[in-house]
Amino acid sequence: MEPRFLLLSDVAAELNVSDSQVYHMVRSGELPAIKIGGRGQWRVERARLEEYIQQKYAETAEWVRGNPLTEREPE
């Protein structure tokens, strides 16, 4: 069974980005997370990560529709 909450390093591995990029995403509010424990460790709920990924797919699809590839002129 997969854990409900992920460390930021686990999220970074899932997204294939750096730990510092995930920390920035969490601190900016882009990726929902909670801060727990006396030392304030960040955790991302797996369901929220999946929602985030789906949101990014939708944003990317919208961007692609608005920025179509143009055919290059033959040389």
C-alpha atoms as a PDB file:
ATOM      1  CA  MET A   1       0.000   0.000   0.000  1.00  0.00           C
ATOM      2  CA  GLU A   2       1.321   3.431  -0.933  1.00  0.00           C
ATOM      3  CA  PRO A   3       1.708   5.992   1.835  1.00  0.00           C
ATOM      4  CA  ARG A   4      -0.908   8.742   2.002  1.00  0.00           C
ATOM      5  CA  PHE A   5       1.683  11.483   2.566  1.00  0.00           C
ATOM      6  CA  LEU A   6       4.954  12.009   0.736  1.00  0.00           C
ATOM      7  CA  LEU A   7       8.176  13.739   1.708  1.00  0.00           C
ATOM      8  CA  LEU A   8       9.213  16.612  -0.532  1.00  0.00           C
ATOM      9  CA  SER A   9      12.093  14.456  -1.739  1.00  0.00           C
ATOM     10  CA  ASP A  10       9.580  11.758  -2.761  1.00  0.00           C
ATOM     11  CA  VAL A  11       7.569  14.353  -4.684  1.00  0.00           C
ATOM     12  CA  ALA A  12      10.745  15.565  -6.381  1.00  0.00           C
ATOM     13  CA  ALA A  13      11.547  12.006  -7.451  1.00  0.00           C
ATOM     14  CA  GLU A  14       7.987  11.494  -8.775  1.00  0.00           C
ATOM     15  CA  LEU A  15       8.146  14.694 -10.826  1.00  0.00           C
ATOM     16  CA  ASN A  16      11.818  14.262 -11.770  1.00  0.00           C
ATOM     17  CA  VAL A  17      12.715  17.735 -10.468  1.00  0.00           C
ATOM     18  CA  SER A  18      14.977  18.974  -7.680  1.00  0.00           C
ATOM     19  CA  ASP A  19      14.033  19.063  -4.014  1.00  0.00           C
ATOM     20  CA  SER A  20      14.440  22.847  -4.073  1.00  0.00           C
ATOM     21  CA  GLN A  21      11.958  23.155  -6.951  1.00  0.00           C
ATOM     22  CA  VAL A  22       9.357  21.206  -4.964  1.00  0.00           C
ATOM     23  CA  TYR A  23      10.062  23.317  -1.874  1.00  0.00           C
ATOM     24  CA  HIS A  24       9.443  26.467  -3.928  1.00  0.00           C
ATOM     25  CA  MET A  25       6.211  24.999  -5.362  1.00  0.00           C
ATOM     26  CA  VAL A  26       4.990  24.252  -1.836  1.00  0.00           C
ATOM     27  CA  ARG A  27       6.079  27.586  -0.341  1.00  0.00           C
ATOM     28  CA  SER A  28       4.454  29.542  -3.186  1.00  0.00           C
ATOM     29  CA  GLY A  29       1.187  27.637  -2.755  1.00  0.00           C
ATOM     30  CA  GLU A  30       1.373  26.102  -6.229  1.00  0.00           C
ATOM     31  CA  LEU A  31       1.416  22.595  -4.744  1.00  0.00           C
ATOM     32  CA  PRO A  32      -0.789  22.064  -1.658  1.00  0.00           C
ATOM     33  CA  ALA A  33       1.073  20.656   1.342  1.00  0.00           C
ATOM     34  CA  ILE A  34       0.899  20.533   5.107  1.00  0.00           C
ATOM     35  CA  LYS A  35       3.505  21.328   7.712  1.00  0.00           C
ATOM     36  CA  ILE A  36       3.603  18.847  10.602  1.00  0.00           C
ATOM     37  CA  GLY A  37       5.581  18.107  13.702  1.00  0.00           C
ATOM     38  CA  GLY A  38       7.626  20.294  15.993  1.00  0.00           C
ATOM     39  CA  ARG A  39      10.250  20.845  13.322  1.00  0.00           C
ATOM     40  CA  GLY A  40       7.659  21.808  10.717  1.00  0.00           C
ATOM     41  CA  GLN A  41       8.329  19.103   8.169  1.00  0.00           C
ATOM     42  CA  TRP A  42       6.428  19.402   4.898  1.00  0.00           C
ATOM     43  CA  ARG A  43       4.233  16.593   3.568  1.00  0.00           C
ATOM     44  CA  VAL A  44       2.263  16.369   0.330  1.00  0.00           C
ATOM     45  CA  GLU A  45      -0.791  14.175   0.217  1.00  0.00           C
ATOM     46  CA  ARG A  46      -0.560  11.727  -2.690  1.00  0.00           C
ATOM     47  CA  ALA A  47      -4.096  12.645  -3.839  1.00  0.00           C
ATOM     48  CA  ARG A  48      -3.121  16.345  -3.972  1.00  0.00           C
ATOM     49  CA  LEU A  49      -0.044  15.475  -6.021  1.00  0.00           C
ATOM     50  CA  GLU A  50      -2.179  13.537  -8.505  1.00  0.00           C
ATOM     51  CA  GLU A  51      -4.596  16.488  -8.722  1.00  0.00           C
ATOM     52  CA  TYR A  52      -1.648  18.806  -9.316  1.00  0.00           C
ATOM     53  CA  ILE A  53      -0.360  16.586 -12.129  1.00  0.00           C
ATOM     54  CA  GLN A  54      -3.803  16.503 -13.787  1.00  0.00           C
ATOM     55  CA  GLN A  55      -4.023  20.297 -13.490  1.00  0.00           C
ATOM     56  CA  LYS A  56      -0.635  20.640 -15.195  1.00  0.00           C
ATOM     57  CA  TYR A  57      -1.774  18.345 -18.025  1.00  0.00           C
ATOM     58  CA  ALA A  58      -4.839  20.568 -18.540  1.00  0.00           C
ATOM     59  CA  GLU A  59      -2.749  23.766 -18.438  1.00  0.00           C
ATOM     60  CA  THR A  60      -0.271  22.309 -20.905  1.00  0.00           C
ATOM     61  CA  ALA A  61      -3.031  21.202 -23.297  1.00  0.00           C
ATOM     62  CA  GLU A  62      -4.526  24.703 -23.185  1.00  0.00           C
ATOM     63  CA  TRP A  63      -1.112  26.245 -23.854  1.00  0.00           C
ATOM     64  CA  VAL A  64      -0.520  23.901 -26.803  1.00  0.00           C
ATOM     65  CA  ARG A  65      -3.885  24.836 -28.310  1.00  0.00           C
ATOM     66  CA  GLY A  66      -2.997  28.512 -28.038  1.00  0.00           C
ATOM     67  CA  ASN A  67       0.517  28.049 -29.433  1.00  0.00           C
ATOM     68  CA  PRO A  68       0.246  25.749 -32.452  1.00  0.00           C
ATOM     69  CA  LEU A  69       3.315  24.636 -34.311  1.00  0.00           C
ATOM     70  CA  THR A  70       3.774  26.362 -37.630  1.00  0.00           C
ATOM     71  CA  GLU A  71       5.147  24.645 -40.666  1.00  0.00           C
ATOM     72  CA  ARG A  72       8.637  25.747 -41.599  1.00  0.00           C
ATOM     73  CA  GLU A  73       9.291  26.892 -45.121  1.00  0.00           C
ATOM     74  CA  PRO A  74      11.393  24.401 -47.086  1.00  0.00           C
ATOM     75  CA  GLU A  75      14.946  25.579 -47.550  1.00  0.00           C
END
